[in-house]
Amino acid sequence: MDTIGVIGVDIYKRGQTDEKPHFDLMSTVAGNKPIALSECEEIPDPAIMKERGFMWNWFSTWHGRHIRKNDPAYLKQVYNHELVITRDEMPNFK
């Protein structure tokens, strides 16, 4: 029997206008599973997600040209947002 631990979607479009419909669609199949923005180009804004009533469990973008499409000041804002947990804030599981 296969086990699904996470539901994810990849969104490679500029802007966040298409994120919530993708999240809502994934919610219909996710049950109680976490929903991730498994690959993206533009890093999602946690303030916009909160305002629109949804939150990815995590998001990730590729390095190189994809991460460089995000303004450095914007990245700093997102990674310092109170709703975002960065690796240095994670507990030591060892």
Protein backbone atom coordinates (compact mmCIF):
# COMPACT_ATOMS: atom_id res chain seq x y z
CA MET A 1 0.00 0.00 0.00
CA ASP A 2 1.31 3.45 -0.93
CA THR A 3 1.28 6.17 1.67
CA ILE A 4 1.04 9.85 0.84
CA GLY A 5 2.61 12.17 3.37
CA VAL A 6 2.38 15.52 1.61
CA ILE A 7 0.37 17.02 -1.24
CA GLY A 8 2.27 19.54 -3.36
CA VAL A 9 1.90 21.68 -6.43
CA ASP A 10 4.39 23.50 -8.64
CA ILE A 11 3.52 27.03 -9.81
CA TYR A 12 5.84 28.75 -12.26
CA LYS A 13 3.95 31.96 -12.95
CA ARG A 14 4.81 35.48 -11.94
CA GLY A 15 2.52 36.86 -9.29
CA GLN A 16 0.29 35.21 -6.76
CA THR A 17 -3.09 35.51 -8.42
CA ASP A 18 -3.21 31.78 -9.21
CA GLU A 19 -2.04 30.42 -5.86
CA LYS A 20 -5.31 30.16 -3.92
CA PRO A 21 -7.19 28.18 -6.59
CA HIS A 22 -4.28 25.69 -6.66
CA PHE A 23 -4.30 25.51 -2.87
CA ASP A 24 -8.07 24.99 -2.82
CA LEU A 25 -7.80 22.21 -5.41
CA MET A 26 -5.07 20.46 -3.43
CA SER A 27 -7.20 20.79 -0.29
CA THR A 28 -9.91 18.69 -1.91
CA VAL A 29 -7.55 15.69 -2.08
CA ALA A 30 -5.21 16.39 0.84
CA GLY A 31 -7.44 15.44 3.74
CA ASN A 32 -5.31 16.18 6.81
CA LYS A 33 -2.03 16.08 4.88
CA PRO A 34 0.24 19.14 4.64
CA ILE A 35 -0.03 21.14 1.40
CA ALA A 36 3.20 22.49 -0.04
CA LEU A 37 4.09 24.88 -2.81
CA SER A 38 6.72 22.36 -3.82
CA GLU A 39 8.28 24.47 -6.59
CA CYS A 40 7.75 28.10 -7.45
CA GLU A 41 9.34 31.00 -9.21
CA GLU A 42 8.02 33.92 -7.17
CA ILE A 43 8.23 33.32 -3.44
CA PRO A 44 4.73 33.70 -1.92
CA ASP A 45 4.01 36.61 0.41
CA PRO A 46 2.83 35.28 3.80
CA ALA A 47 0.82 38.47 4.44
CA ILE A 48 -1.14 37.93 1.21
CA MET A 49 -1.70 34.27 2.05
CA LYS A 50 -3.03 35.19 5.49
CA GLU A 51 -5.26 37.87 3.96
CA ARG A 52 -6.67 35.39 1.40
CA GLY A 53 -7.21 32.68 4.00
CA PHE A 54 -4.70 29.99 3.06
CA MET A 55 -1.13 29.05 3.98
CA TRP A 56 1.30 26.70 2.28
CA ASN A 57 3.03 24.45 4.79
CA TRP A 58 6.22 25.30 2.97
CA PHE A 59 7.46 26.72 -0.29
CA SER A 60 10.62 26.23 -2.25
CA THR A 61 12.18 27.71 -5.32
CA TRP A 62 15.07 26.61 -7.47
CA HIS A 63 18.39 28.39 -7.27
CA GLY A 64 19.85 30.49 -10.03
CA ARG A 65 17.54 32.35 -12.36
CA HIS A 66 14.40 31.38 -10.43
CA ILE A 67 15.46 32.77 -7.04
CA ARG A 68 16.97 35.83 -8.76
CA LYS A 69 13.51 36.74 -10.12
CA ASN A 70 12.67 37.70 -6.52
CA ASP A 71 13.88 41.12 -5.38
CA PRO A 72 16.46 40.74 -2.55
CA ALA A 73 14.53 43.20 -0.34
CA TYR A 74 11.36 41.16 -0.89
CA LEU A 75 13.15 37.92 0.02
CA LYS A 76 14.43 39.50 3.22
CA GLN A 77 10.89 40.67 4.05
CA VAL A 78 9.42 37.19 3.46
CA TYR A 79 12.10 35.26 5.35
CA ASN A 80 11.80 37.64 8.31
CA HIS A 81 7.98 37.50 8.39
CA GLU A 82 6.52 36.19 11.65
CA LEU A 83 4.60 33.45 9.79
CA VAL A 84 7.73 32.05 8.10
CA ILE A 85 9.99 29.60 9.89
CA THR A 86 13.51 29.42 8.50
CA ARG A 87 15.97 26.57 8.97
CA ASP A 88 17.87 28.39 11.73
CA GLU A 89 14.62 28.52 13.75
CA MET A 90 14.02 24.77 13.55
CA PRO A 91 14.78 22.58 16.57
CA ASN A 92 17.72 20.23 16.57
CA PHE A 93 16.23 16.77 15.97
CA LYS A 94 19.45 14.89 16.73
